[in-house]
PDB file of N, CA and C in Angstrom:
ATOM      1  N   MET A   1     -58.233  24.913  44.840  1.00  0.00           N
ATOM      2  CA  MET A   1     -58.363  25.588  46.110  1.00  0.00           C
ATOM      3  C   MET A   1     -58.753  27.031  45.838  1.00  0.00           C
ATOM      4  N   ALA A   2     -59.957  27.394  46.227  1.00  0.00           N
ATOM      5  CA  ALA A   2     -60.393  28.780  46.118  1.00  0.00           C
ATOM      6  C   ALA A   2     -60.025  29.473  47.414  1.00  0.00           C
ATOM      7  N   GLY A   3     -59.389  30.618  47.322  1.00  0.00           N
ATOM      8  CA  GLY A   3     -59.026  31.290  48.563  1.00  0.00           C
ATOM      9  C   GLY A   3     -58.547  32.704  48.340  1.00  0.00           C
ATOM     10  N   ALA A   4     -58.359  33.376  49.433  1.00  0.00           N
ATOM     11  CA  ALA A   4     -57.826  34.729  49.437  1.00  0.00           C
ATOM     12  C   ALA A   4     -57.088  34.916  50.741  1.00  0.00           C
ATOM     13  N   GLY A   5     -56.259  35.940  50.802  1.00  0.00           N
ATOM     14  CA  GLY A   5     -55.519  36.107  52.038  1.00  0.00           C
ATOM     15  C   GLY A   5     -54.937  37.485  52.194  1.00  0.00           C
ATOM     16  N   PHE A   6     -54.210  37.637  53.277  1.00  0.00           N
ATOM     17  CA  PHE A   6     -53.519  38.879  53.590  1.00  0.00           C
ATOM     18  C   PHE A   6     -52.040  38.706  53.331  1.00  0.00           C
ATOM     19  N   PHE A   7     -51.440  39.678  52.680  1.00  0.00           N
ATOM     20  CA  PHE A   7     -49.999  39.758  52.581  1.00  0.00           C
ATOM     21  C   PHE A   7     -49.567  40.676  53.707  1.00  0.00           C
ATOM     22  N   LEU A   8     -49.031  40.104  54.780  1.00  0.00           N
ATOM     23  CA  LEU A   8     -48.699  40.912  55.949  1.00  0.00           C
ATOM     24  C   LEU A   8     -47.421  41.695  55.769  1.00  0.00           C
ATOM     25  N   ILE A   9     -46.499  41.130  55.034  1.00  0.00           N
ATOM     26  CA  ILE A   9     -45.267  41.853  54.731  1.00  0.00           C
ATOM     27  C   ILE A   9     -45.102  41.772  53.230  1.00  0.00           C
ATOM     28  N   SER A  10     -45.146  42.892  52.562  1.00  0.00           N
ATOM     29  CA  SER A  10     -45.006  42.880  51.115  1.00  0.00           C
ATOM     30  C   SER A  10     -43.669  43.488  50.727  1.00  0.00           C
ATOM     31  N   ASN A  11     -43.392  43.510  49.462  1.00  0.00           N
ATOM     32  CA  ASN A  11     -42.125  44.041  48.973  1.00  0.00           C
ATOM     33  C   ASN A  11     -41.888  45.479  49.420  1.00  0.00           C
ATOM     34  N   THR A  12     -42.943  46.236  49.633  1.00  0.00           N
ATOM     35  CA  THR A  12     -42.766  47.627  50.046  1.00  0.00           C
ATOM     36  C   THR A  12     -42.239  47.734  51.466  1.00  0.00           C
ATOM     37  N   LEU A  13     -42.447  46.701  52.261  1.00  0.00           N
ATOM     38  CA  LEU A  13     -41.946  46.697  53.631  1.00  0.00           C
ATOM     39  C   LEU A  13     -40.754  45.769  53.802  1.00  0.00           C
ATOM     40  N   GLY A  14     -40.387  45.066  52.757  1.00  0.00           N
ATOM     41  CA  GLY A  14     -39.345  44.051  52.848  1.00  0.00           C
ATOM     42  C   GLY A  14     -38.040  44.556  53.428  1.00  0.00           C
ATOM     43  N   ASP A  15     -37.568  45.735  53.018  1.00  0.00           N
ATOM     44  CA  ASP A  15     -36.305  46.257  53.519  1.00  0.00           C
ATOM     45  C   ASP A  15     -36.368  46.536  55.018  1.00  0.00           C
ATOM     46  N   LEU A  16     -37.537  46.944  55.502  1.00  0.00           N
ATOM     47  CA  LEU A  16     -37.703  47.221  56.918  1.00  0.00           C
ATOM     48  C   LEU A  16     -37.607  45.956  57.752  1.00  0.00           C
ATOM     49  N   PHE A  17     -38.196  44.866  57.279  1.00  0.00           N
ATOM     50  CA  PHE A  17     -38.282  43.642  58.059  1.00  0.00           C
ATOM     51  C   PHE A  17     -37.192  42.625  57.756  1.00  0.00           C
ATOM     52  N   GLU A  18     -36.641  42.658  56.579  1.00  0.00           N
ATOM     53  CA  GLU A  18     -35.738  41.607  56.125  1.00  0.00           C
ATOM     54  C   GLU A  18     -34.578  41.386  57.093  1.00  0.00           C
ATOM     55  N   GLY A  19     -34.388  40.125  57.476  1.00  0.00           N
ATOM     56  CA  GLY A  19     -33.264  39.756  58.310  1.00  0.00           C
ATOM     57  C   GLY A  19     -33.383  40.199  59.751  1.00  0.00           C
ATOM     58  N   THR A  20     -34.579  40.527  60.202  1.00  0.00           N
ATOM     59  CA  THR A  20     -34.748  40.987  61.567  1.00  0.00           C
ATOM     60  C   THR A  20     -35.677  40.056  62.329  1.00  0.00           C
ATOM     61  N   ALA A  21     -35.695  40.246  63.636  1.00  0.00           N
ATOM     62  CA  ALA A  21     -36.607  39.487  64.483  1.00  0.00           C
ATOM     63  C   ALA A  21     -38.057  39.898  64.235  1.00  0.00           C
ATOM     64  N   LEU A  22     -38.251  41.061  63.595  1.00  0.00           N
ATOM     65  CA  LEU A  22     -39.612  41.519  63.315  1.00  0.00           C
ATOM     66  C   LEU A  22     -40.348  40.562  62.388  1.00  0.00           C
ATOM     67  N   VAL A  23     -39.637  39.996  61.428  1.00  0.00           N
ATOM     68  CA  VAL A  23     -40.269  39.040  60.509  1.00  0.00           C
ATOM     69  C   VAL A  23     -40.814  37.865  61.299  1.00  0.00           C
ATOM     70  N   GLU A  24     -40.017  37.351  62.214  1.00  0.00           N
ATOM     71  CA  GLU A  24     -40.449  36.215  63.024  1.00  0.00           C
ATOM     72  C   GLU A  24     -41.646  36.594  63.898  1.00  0.00           C
ATOM     73  N   GLU A  25     -41.636  37.791  64.449  1.00  0.00           N
ATOM     74  CA  GLU A  25     -42.764  38.219  65.284  1.00  0.00           C
ATOM     75  C   GLU A  25     -44.033  38.389  64.454  1.00  0.00           C
ATOM     76  N   VAL A  26     -43.919  38.918  63.244  1.00  0.00           N
ATOM     77  CA  VAL A  26     -45.097  39.030  62.375  1.00  0.00           C
ATOM     78  C   VAL A  26     -45.611  37.635  62.043  1.00  0.00           C
ATOM     79  N   ARG A  27     -44.702  36.713  61.757  1.00  0.00           N
ATOM     80  CA  ARG A  27     -45.116  35.333  61.483  1.00  0.00           C
ATOM     81  C   ARG A  27     -45.818  34.734  62.704  1.00  0.00           C
ATOM     82  N   ASN A  28     -45.266  34.970  63.893  1.00  0.00           N
ATOM     83  CA  ASN A  28     -45.900  34.473  65.115  1.00  0.00           C
ATOM     84  C   ASN A  28     -47.311  35.028  65.259  1.00  0.00           C
ATOM     85  N   GLN A  29     -47.474  36.309  64.974  1.00  0.00           N
ATOM     86  CA  GLN A  29     -48.798  36.925  65.052  1.00  0.00           C
ATOM     87  C   GLN A  29     -49.741  36.317  64.014  1.00  0.00           C
ATOM     88  N   ALA A  30     -49.231  36.057  62.821  1.00  0.00           N
ATOM     89  CA  ALA A  30     -50.044  35.438  61.768  1.00  0.00           C
ATOM     90  C   ALA A  30     -50.471  34.034  62.185  1.00  0.00           C
ATOM     91  N   GLU A  31     -49.550  33.266  62.736  1.00  0.00           N
ATOM     92  CA  GLU A  31     -49.882  31.911  63.179  1.00  0.00           C
ATOM     93  C   GLU A  31     -50.844  31.936  64.357  1.00  0.00           C
ATOM     94  N   ASP A  32     -50.768  32.985  65.176  1.00  0.00           N
ATOM     95  CA  ASP A  32     -51.667  33.113  66.314  1.00  0.00           C
ATOM     96  C   ASP A  32     -53.095  33.411  65.881  1.00  0.00           C
ATOM     97  N   ILE A  33     -53.269  34.259  64.886  1.00  0.00           N
ATOM     98  CA  ILE A  33     -54.616  34.674  64.478  1.00  0.00           C
ATOM     99  C   ILE A  33     -55.228  33.744  63.420  1.00  0.00           C
ATOM    100  N   ALA A  34     -54.433  32.984  62.702  1.00  0.00           N
ATOM    101  CA  ALA A  34     -54.953  32.124  61.631  1.00  0.00           C
ATOM    102  C   ALA A  34     -56.044  31.161  62.110  1.00  0.00           C
ATOM    103  N   PRO A  35     -55.887  30.474  63.255  1.00  0.00           N
ATOM    104  CA  PRO A  35     -56.978  29.601  63.710  1.00  0.00           C
ATOM    105  C   PRO A  35     -58.262  30.362  64.022  1.00  0.00           C
ATOM    106  N   ASP A  36     -58.138  31.603  64.500  1.00  0.00           N
ATOM    107  CA  ASP A  36     -59.329  32.419  64.758  1.00  0.00           C
ATOM    108  C   ASP A  36     -60.045  32.748  63.455  1.00  0.00           C
ATOM    109  N   ILE A  37     -59.276  33.026  62.417  1.00  0.00           N
ATOM    110  CA  ILE A  37     -59.849  33.311  61.101  1.00  0.00           C
ATOM    111  C   ILE A  37     -60.584  32.079  60.580  1.00  0.00           C
ATOM    112  N   ARG A  38     -59.931  30.925  60.665  1.00  0.00           N
ATOM    113  CA  ARG A  38     -60.551  29.668  60.220  1.00  0.00           C
ATOM    114  C   ARG A  38     -61.837  29.394  60.989  1.00  0.00           C
ATOM    115  N   ASP A  39     -61.780  29.513  62.306  1.00  0.00           N
ATOM    116  CA  ASP A  39     -62.954  29.214  63.131  1.00  0.00           C
ATOM    117  C   ASP A  39     -64.106  30.174  62.835  1.00  0.00           C
ATOM    118  N   TYR A  40     -63.788  31.447  62.648  1.00  0.00           N
ATOM    119  CA  TYR A  40     -64.818  32.426  62.302  1.00  0.00           C
ATOM    120  C   TYR A  40     -65.490  32.044  60.985  1.00  0.00           C
ATOM    121  N   ALA A  41     -64.689  31.690  59.991  1.00  0.00           N
ATOM    122  CA  ALA A  41     -65.243  31.308  58.682  1.00  0.00           C
ATOM    123  C   ALA A  41     -66.148  30.091  58.816  1.00  0.00           C
ATOM    124  N   ARG A  42     -65.697  29.108  59.559  1.00  0.00           N
ATOM    125  CA  ARG A  42     -66.512  27.896  59.730  1.00  0.00           C
ATOM    126  C   ARG A  42     -67.816  28.198  60.467  1.00  0.00           C
ATOM    127  N   GLN A  43     -67.766  29.045  61.468  1.00  0.00           N
ATOM    128  CA  GLN A  43     -68.958  29.347  62.263  1.00  0.00           C
ATOM    129  C   GLN A  43     -69.932  30.266  61.538  1.00  0.00           C
ATOM    130  N   ASN A  44     -69.435  31.088  60.631  1.00  0.00           N
ATOM    131  CA  ASN A  44     -70.279  32.101  59.992  1.00  0.00           C
ATOM    132  C   ASN A  44     -70.570  31.842  58.524  1.00  0.00           C
ATOM    133  N   ALA A  45     -70.160  30.717  57.999  1.00  0.00           N
ATOM    134  CA  ALA A  45     -70.459  30.411  56.594  1.00  0.00           C
ATOM    135  C   ALA A  45     -71.977  30.434  56.403  1.00  0.00           C
ATOM    136  N   PRO A  46     -72.469  31.196  55.409  1.00  0.00           N
ATOM    137  CA  PRO A  46     -73.905  31.447  55.303  1.00  0.00           C
ATOM    138  C   PRO A  46     -74.726  30.362  54.614  1.00  0.00           C
ATOM    139  N   TRP A  47     -74.117  29.298  54.201  1.00  0.00           N
ATOM    140  CA  TRP A  47     -74.867  28.265  53.512  1.00  0.00           C
ATOM    141  C   TRP A  47     -75.421  27.250  54.509  1.00  0.00           C
ATOM    142  N   THR A  48     -76.414  26.473  54.032  1.00  0.00           N
ATOM    143  CA  THR A  48     -76.960  25.363  54.805  1.00  0.00           C
ATOM    144  C   THR A  48     -76.175  24.119  54.427  1.00  0.00           C
ATOM    145  N   ASP A  49     -75.602  23.478  55.416  1.00  0.00           N
ATOM    146  CA  ASP A  49     -74.783  22.291  55.151  1.00  0.00           C
ATOM    147  C   ASP A  49     -75.629  21.140  54.610  1.00  0.00           C
ATOM    148  N   GLN A  50     -75.083  20.477  53.613  1.00  0.00           N
ATOM    149  CA  GLN A  50     -75.661  19.229  53.122  1.00  0.00           C
ATOM    150  C   GLN A  50     -74.854  18.051  53.685  1.00  0.00           C
ATOM    151  N   THR A  51     -73.536  18.152  53.584  1.00  0.00           N
ATOM    152  CA  THR A  51     -72.658  17.088  54.090  1.00  0.00           C
ATOM    153  C   THR A  51     -71.737  17.589  55.199  1.00  0.00           C
ATOM    154  N   GLY A  52     -71.544  18.898  55.291  1.00  0.00           N
ATOM    155  CA  GLY A  52     -70.606  19.466  56.247  1.00  0.00           C
ATOM    156  C   GLY A  52     -69.188  19.557  55.719  1.00  0.00           C
ATOM    157  N   ASP A  53     -68.961  19.008  54.514  1.00  0.00           N
ATOM    158  CA  ASP A  53     -67.608  18.990  53.952  1.00  0.00           C
ATOM    159  C   ASP A  53     -67.078  20.388  53.646  1.00  0.00           C
ATOM    160  N   ALA A  54     -67.924  21.253  53.102  1.00  0.00           N
ATOM    161  CA  ALA A  54     -67.459  22.598  52.744  1.00  0.00           C
ATOM    162  C   ALA A  54     -67.077  23.385  53.995  1.00  0.00           C
ATOM    163  N   ARG A  55     -67.896  23.311  55.019  1.00  0.00           N
ATOM    164  CA  ARG A  55     -67.616  24.036  56.258  1.00  0.00           C
ATOM    165  C   ARG A  55     -66.343  23.488  56.908  1.00  0.00           C
ATOM    166  N   ALA A  56     -66.249  22.177  57.017  1.00  0.00           N
ATOM    167  CA  ALA A  56     -65.062  21.552  57.627  1.00  0.00           C
ATOM    168  C   ALA A  56     -63.820  21.774  56.773  1.00  0.00           C
ATOM    169  N   GLY A  57     -64.020  21.987  55.477  1.00  0.00           N
ATOM    170  CA  GLY A  57     -62.912  22.169  54.553  1.00  0.00           C
ATOM    171  C   GLY A  57     -62.372  23.579  54.484  1.00  0.00           C
ATOM    172  N   LEU A  58     -62.982  24.520  55.186  1.00  0.00           N
ATOM    173  CA  LEU A  58     -62.406  25.863  55.273  1.00  0.00           C
ATOM    174  C   LEU A  58     -61.177  25.784  56.159  1.00  0.00           C
ATOM    175  N   ASP A  59     -60.078  26.351  55.692  1.00  0.00           N
ATOM    176  CA  ASP A  59     -58.843  26.262  56.464  1.00  0.00           C
ATOM    177  C   ASP A  59     -57.956  27.460  56.174  1.00  0.00           C
ATOM    178  N   THR A  60     -56.925  27.605  56.977  1.00  0.00           N
ATOM    179  CA  THR A  60     -55.951  28.679  56.800  1.00  0.00           C
ATOM    180  C   THR A  60     -54.556  28.096  56.730  1.00  0.00           C
ATOM    181  N   GLU A  61     -53.675  28.843  56.085  1.00  0.00           N
ATOM    182  CA  GLU A  61     -52.247  28.534  56.045  1.00  0.00           C
ATOM    183  C   GLU A  61     -51.486  29.831  56.251  1.00  0.00           C
ATOM    184  N   VAL A  62     -50.348  29.725  56.900  1.00  0.00           N
ATOM    185  CA  VAL A  62     -49.424  30.851  57.021  1.00  0.00           C
ATOM    186  C   VAL A  62     -48.159  30.437  56.293  1.00  0.00           C
ATOM    187  N   ASP A  63     -47.746  31.239  55.328  1.00  0.00           N
ATOM    188  CA  ASP A  63     -46.583  30.909  54.507  1.00  0.00           C
ATOM    189  C   ASP A  63     -45.616  32.077  54.443  1.00  0.00           C
ATOM    190  N   ASP A  64     -44.346  31.732  54.299  1.00  0.00           N
ATOM    191  CA  ASP A  64     -43.305  32.700  53.968  1.00  0.00           C
ATOM    192  C   ASP A  64     -43.120  32.629  52.467  1.00  0.00           C
ATOM    193  N   GLU A  65     -43.214  33.757  51.808  1.00  0.00           N
ATOM    194  CA  GLU A  65     -42.993  33.822  50.365  1.00  0.00           C
ATOM    195  C   GLU A  65     -41.974  34.919  50.109  1.00  0.00           C
ATOM    196  N   GLY A  66     -40.710  34.568  50.228  1.00  0.00           N
ATOM    197  CA  GLY A  66     -39.663  35.574  50.070  1.00  0.00           C
ATOM    198  C   GLY A  66     -39.708  36.522  51.239  1.00  0.00           C
ATOM    199  N   ASP A  67     -39.924  37.796  50.950  1.00  0.00           N
ATOM    200  CA  ASP A  67     -40.015  38.782  52.030  1.00  0.00           C
ATOM    201  C   ASP A  67     -41.473  39.071  52.398  1.00  0.00           C
ATOM    202  N   GLU A  68     -42.358  38.112  52.147  1.00  0.00           N
ATOM    203  CA  GLU A  68     -43.760  38.251  52.472  1.00  0.00           C
ATOM    204  C   GLU A  68     -44.186  37.148  53.431  1.00  0.00           C
ATOM    205  N   ILE A  69     -45.050  37.480  54.346  1.00  0.00           N
ATOM    206  CA  ILE A  69     -45.727  36.497  55.172  1.00  0.00           C
ATOM    207  C   ILE A  69     -47.193  36.603  54.808  1.00  0.00           C
ATOM    208  N   VAL A  70     -47.786  35.468  54.482  1.00  0.00           N
ATOM    209  CA  VAL A  70     -49.134  35.458  53.931  1.00  0.00           C
ATOM    210  C   VAL A  70     -50.029  34.546  54.766  1.00  0.00           C
ATOM    211  N   ILE A  71     -51.205  35.056  55.142  1.00  0.00           N
ATOM    212  CA  ILE A  71     -52.258  34.219  55.711  1.00  0.00           C
ATOM    213  C   ILE A  71     -53.254  33.979  54.584  1.00  0.00           C
ATOM    214  N   THR A  72     -53.528  32.727  54.290  1.00  0.00           N
ATOM    215  CA  THR A  72     -54.493  32.386  53.251  1.00  0.00           C
ATOM    216  C   THR A  72     -55.648  31.616  53.878  1.00  0.00           C
ATOM    217  N   LEU A  73     -56.859  32.050  53.601  1.00  0.00           N
ATOM    218  CA  LEU A  73     -58.079  31.341  53.978  1.00  0.00           C
ATOM    219  C   LEU A  73     -58.608  30.709  52.705  1.00  0.00           C
ATOM    220  N   PHE A  74     -58.914  29.419  52.752  1.00  0.00           N
ATOM    221  CA  PHE A  74     -59.283  28.726  51.516  1.00  0.00           C
ATOM    222  C   PHE A  74     -60.280  27.601  51.754  1.00  0.00           C
ATOM    223  N   HIS A  75     -60.918  27.204  50.652  1.00  0.00           N
ATOM    224  CA  HIS A  75     -61.773  26.017  50.611  1.00  0.00           C
ATOM    225  C   HIS A  75     -60.925  24.836  50.171  1.00  0.00           C
ATOM    226  N   SER A  76     -61.176  23.678  50.750  1.00  0.00           N
ATOM    227  CA  SER A  76     -60.492  22.478  50.267  1.00  0.00           C
ATOM    228  C   SER A  76     -61.419  21.605  49.411  1.00  0.00           C
ATOM    229  N   VAL A  77     -62.696  21.981  49.329  1.00  0.00           N
ATOM    230  CA  VAL A  77     -63.604  21.241  48.449  1.00  0.00           C
ATOM    231  C   VAL A  77     -63.583  21.889  47.069  1.00  0.00           C
ATOM    232  N   GLU A  78     -63.746  21.067  46.037  1.00  0.00           N
ATOM    233  CA  GLU A  78     -63.670  21.554  44.659  1.00  0.00           C
ATOM    234  C   GLU A  78     -64.747  22.597  44.352  1.00  0.00           C
ATOM    235  N   TYR A  79     -65.890  22.488  44.977  1.00  0.00           N
ATOM    236  CA  TYR A  79     -66.989  23.405  44.676  1.00  0.00           C
ATOM    237  C   TYR A  79     -66.953  24.679  45.525  1.00  0.00           C
ATOM    238  N   GLY A  80     -65.907  24.869  46.303  1.00  0.00           N
ATOM    239  CA  GLY A  80     -65.788  26.066  47.128  1.00  0.00           C
ATOM    240  C   GLY A  80     -65.858  27.355  46.317  1.00  0.00           C
ATOM    241  N   ILE A  81     -65.275  27.329  45.128  1.00  0.00           N
ATOM    242  CA  ILE A  81     -65.307  28.517  44.272  1.00  0.00           C
ATOM    243  C   ILE A  81     -66.744  28.938  43.966  1.00  0.00           C
ATOM    244  N   TRP A  82     -67.630  27.938  43.827  1.00  0.00           N
ATOM    245  CA  TRP A  82     -69.027  28.251  43.511  1.00  0.00           C
ATOM    246  C   TRP A  82     -69.743  28.824  44.723  1.00  0.00           C
ATOM    247  N   LEU A  83     -69.388  28.363  45.905  1.00  0.00           N
ATOM    248  CA  LEU A  83     -69.978  28.958  47.107  1.00  0.00           C
ATOM    249  C   LEU A  83     -69.601  30.432  47.219  1.00  0.00           C
ATOM    250  N   GLU A  84     -68.407  30.772  46.768  1.00  0.00           N
ATOM    251  CA  GLU A  84     -67.934  32.156  46.861  1.00  0.00           C
ATOM    252  C   GLU A  84     -68.528  33.056  45.776  1.00  0.00           C
ATOM    253  N   THR A  85     -68.914  32.480  44.647  1.00  0.00           N
ATOM    254  CA  THR A  85     -69.301  33.318  43.512  1.00  0.00           C
ATOM    255  C   THR A  85     -70.754  33.199  43.078  1.00  0.00           C
ATOM    256  N   ILE A  86     -71.407  32.092  43.356  1.00  0.00           N
ATOM    257  CA  ILE A  86     -72.775  31.891  42.872  1.00  0.00           C
ATOM    258  C   ILE A  86     -73.714  32.939  43.488  1.00  0.00           C
ATOM    259  N   GLN A  87     -74.693  33.326  42.742  1.00  0.00           N
ATOM    260  CA  GLN A  87     -75.712  34.295  43.173  1.00  0.00           C
ATOM    261  C   GLN A  87     -75.068  35.561  43.745  1.00  0.00           C
ATOM    262  N   SER A  88     -74.121  36.075  42.984  1.00  0.00           N
ATOM    263  CA  SER A  88     -73.423  37.321  43.355  1.00  0.00           C
ATOM    264  C   SER A  88     -72.794  37.264  44.745  1.00  0.00           C
ATOM    265  N   GLY A  89     -72.272  36.095  45.110  1.00  0.00           N
ATOM    266  CA  GLY A  89     -71.572  35.956  46.386  1.00  0.00           C
ATOM    267  C   GLY A  89     -72.473  35.747  47.585  1.00  0.00           C
ATOM    268  N   ARG A  90     -73.691  35.346  47.359  1.00  0.00           N
ATOM    269  CA  ARG A  90     -74.654  35.147  48.456  1.00  0.00           C
ATOM    270  C   ARG A  90     -74.137  34.194  49.521  1.00  0.00           C
ATOM    271  N   PHE A  91     -73.350  33.207  49.121  1.00  0.00           N
ATOM    272  CA  PHE A  91     -72.842  32.205  50.066  1.00  0.00           C
ATOM    273  C   PHE A  91     -71.368  32.414  50.393  1.00  0.00           C
ATOM    274  N   ALA A  92     -70.810  33.525  49.984  1.00  0.00           N
ATOM    275  CA  ALA A  92     -69.382  33.800  50.189  1.00  0.00           C
ATOM    276  C   ALA A  92     -69.057  33.912  51.675  1.00  0.00           C
ATOM    277  N   ILE A  93     -67.909  33.385  52.059  1.00  0.00           N
ATOM    278  CA  ILE A  93     -67.429  33.525  53.422  1.00  0.00           C
ATOM    279  C   ILE A  93     -65.982  33.998  53.465  1.00  0.00           C
ATOM    280  N   ILE A  94     -65.216  33.766  52.424  1.00  0.00           N
ATOM    281  CA  ILE A  94     -63.795  34.119  52.479  1.00  0.00           C
ATOM    282  C   ILE A  94     -63.597  35.631  52.601  1.00  0.00           C
ATOM    283  N   MET A  95     -64.118  36.407  51.682  1.00  0.00           N
ATOM    284  CA  MET A  95     -63.901  37.850  51.751  1.00  0.00           C
ATOM    285  C   MET A  95     -64.571  38.476  52.974  1.00  0.00           C
ATOM    286  N   PRO A  96     -65.801  38.080  53.331  1.00  0.00           N
ATOM    287  CA  PRO A  96     -66.370  38.638  54.562  1.00  0.00           C
ATOM    288  C   PRO A  96     -65.526  38.332  55.809  1.00  0.00           C
ATOM    289  N   THR A  97     -64.909  37.174  55.841  1.00  0.00           N
ATOM    290  CA  THR A  97     -64.053  36.825  56.985  1.00  0.00           C
ATOM    291  C   THR A  97     -62.801  37.679  56.989  1.00  0.00           C
ATOM    292  N   LEU A  98     -62.167  37.813  55.841  1.00  0.00           N
ATOM    293  CA  LEU A  98     -60.962  38.635  55.774  1.00  0.00           C
ATOM    294  C   LEU A  98     -61.278  40.089  56.116  1.00  0.00           C
ATOM    295  N   GLU A  99     -62.429  40.574  55.672  1.00  0.00           N
ATOM    296  CA  GLU A  99     -62.838  41.936  56.024  1.00  0.00           C
ATOM    297  C   GLU A  99     -63.068  42.060  57.531  1.00  0.00           C
ATOM    298  N   ALA A 100     -63.631  41.024  58.152  1.00  0.00           N
ATOM    299  CA  ALA A 100     -63.886  41.058  59.594  1.00  0.00           C
ATOM    300  C   ALA A 100     -62.587  41.102  60.401  1.00  0.00           C
ATOM    301  N   PHE A 101     -61.523  40.512  59.875  1.00  0.00           N
ATOM    302  CA  PHE A 101     -60.258  40.439  60.597  1.00  0.00           C
ATOM    303  C   PHE A 101     -59.236  41.477  60.147  1.00  0.00           C
ATOM    304  N   ALA A 102     -59.549  42.255  59.141  1.00  0.00           N
ATOM    305  CA  ALA A 102     -58.567  43.188  58.581  1.00  0.00           C
ATOM    306  C   ALA A 102     -58.002  44.134  59.630  1.00  0.00           C
ATOM    307  N   SER A 103     -58.854  44.775  60.404  1.00  0.00           N
ATOM    308  CA  SER A 103     -58.334  45.761  61.359  1.00  0.00           C
ATOM    309  C   SER A 103     -57.470  45.107  62.425  1.00  0.00           C
ATOM    310  N   GLU A 104     -57.841  43.924  62.876  1.00  0.00           N
ATOM    311  CA  GLU A 104     -57.027  43.214  63.876  1.00  0.00           C
ATOM    312  C   GLU A 104     -55.663  42.833  63.304  1.00  0.00           C
ATOM    313  N   ILE A 105     -55.643  42.349  62.090  1.00  0.00           N
ATOM    314  CA  ILE A 105     -54.379  41.953  61.460  1.00  0.00           C
ATOM    315  C   ILE A 105     -53.482  43.171  61.251  1.00  0.00           C
ATOM    316  N   PHE A 106     -54.058  44.240  60.734  1.00  0.00           N
ATOM    317  CA  PHE A 106     -53.248  45.431  60.503  1.00  0.00           C
ATOM    318  C   PHE A 106     -52.795  46.062  61.813  1.00  0.00           C
ATOM    319  N   SER A 107     -53.624  45.997  62.837  1.00  0.00           N
ATOM    320  CA  SER A 107     -53.217  46.505  64.160  1.00  0.00           C
ATOM    321  C   SER A 107     -52.039  45.708  64.705  1.00  0.00           C
ATOM    322  N   ARG A 108     -52.105  44.404  64.571  1.00  0.00           N
ATOM    323  CA  ARG A 108     -51.004  43.564  65.053  1.00  0.00           C
ATOM    324  C   ARG A 108     -49.723  43.825  64.273  1.00  0.00           C
ATOM    325  N   THR A 109     -49.847  43.945  62.960  1.00  0.00           N
ATOM    326  CA  THR A 109     -48.668  44.205  62.137  1.00  0.00           C
ATOM    327  C   THR A 109     -48.065  45.558  62.493  1.00  0.00           C
ATOM    328  N   ASN A 110     -48.906  46.546  62.663  1.00  0.00           N
ATOM    329  CA  ASN A 110     -48.430  47.873  63.047  1.00  0.00           C
ATOM    330  C   ASN A 110     -47.770  47.827  64.420  1.00  0.00           C
ATOM    331  N   ALA A 111     -48.358  47.104  65.355  1.00  0.00           N
ATOM    332  CA  ALA A 111     -47.790  46.994  66.697  1.00  0.00           C
ATOM    333  C   ALA A 111     -46.398  46.379  66.657  1.00  0.00           C
ATOM    334  N   VAL A 112     -46.212  45.389  65.809  1.00  0.00           N
ATOM    335  CA  VAL A 112     -44.886  44.779  65.666  1.00  0.00           C
ATOM    336  C   VAL A 112     -43.909  45.809  65.114  1.00  0.00           C
ATOM    337  N   GLN A 113     -44.337  46.590  64.137  1.00  0.00           N
ATOM    338  CA  GLN A 113     -43.461  47.602  63.535  1.00  0.00           C
ATOM    339  C   GLN A 113     -43.004  48.629  64.546  1.00  0.00           C
ATOM    340  N   VAL A 114     -43.893  49.011  65.470  1.00  0.00           N
ATOM    341  CA  VAL A 114     -43.524  50.051  66.440  1.00  0.00           C
ATOM    342  C   VAL A 114     -42.975  49.472  67.733  1.00  0.00           C
ATOM    343  N   GLY A 115     -42.868  48.146  67.802  1.00  0.00           N
ATOM    344  CA  GLY A 115     -42.213  47.509  68.939  1.00  0.00           C
ATOM    345  C   GLY A 115     -43.073  47.241  70.141  1.00  0.00           C
ATOM    346  N   GLU A 116     -44.394  47.216  69.982  1.00  0.00           N
ATOM    347  CA  GLU A 116     -45.272  46.897  71.114  1.00  0.00           C
ATOM    348  C   GLU A 116     -45.155  45.420  71.450  1.00  0.00           C
ATOM    349  N   ASP A 117     -45.291  45.085  72.727  1.00  0.00           N
ATOM    350  CA  ASP A 117     -45.269  43.697  73.181  1.00  0.00           C
ATOM    351  C   ASP A 117     -46.686  43.149  73.092  1.00  0.00           C
ATOM    352  N   LEU A 118     -46.912  42.189  72.208  1.00  0.00           N
ATOM    353  CA  LEU A 118     -48.237  41.637  71.980  1.00  0.00           C
ATOM    354  C   LEU A 118     -48.454  40.325  72.723  1.00  0.00           C
ATOM    355  N   ARG A 119     -47.522  39.939  73.554  1.00  0.00           N
ATOM    356  CA  ARG A 119     -47.630  38.644  74.230  1.00  0.00           C
ATOM    357  C   ARG A 119     -48.454  38.690  75.502  1.00  0.00           C
ATOM    358  N   THR A 120     -49.130  39.773  75.752  1.00  0.00           N
ATOM    359  CA  THR A 120     -49.939  39.862  76.978  1.00  0.00           C
ATOM    360  C   THR A 120     -51.304  39.287  76.786  1.00  0.00           C
TER     361      THR A 120
END
């Protein structure tokens, strides 16, 4: 599985979030945006489909890893790594997608930290 992701809560923020409702809210925000990240990657993958497997195989996961909440965007096809790296990344979609969503993810995480209501 070739992939990359965002660590929304890392060890540097762990003491702030640990054991609070904020962790759950950050997770909720991660689960809310993960399908948008997946859909963006599938719609904007720069390669020409041969079978459609690589495009359909782009997916996201939201995981708790100790005091971290992680969104991972990944390929489920074995050759996904080559799509990301061949020809100096000409067919890459993972990092461009994460870059496209970075400000939204960080805005949401910051909003949770300062107590904004994001359910509107």
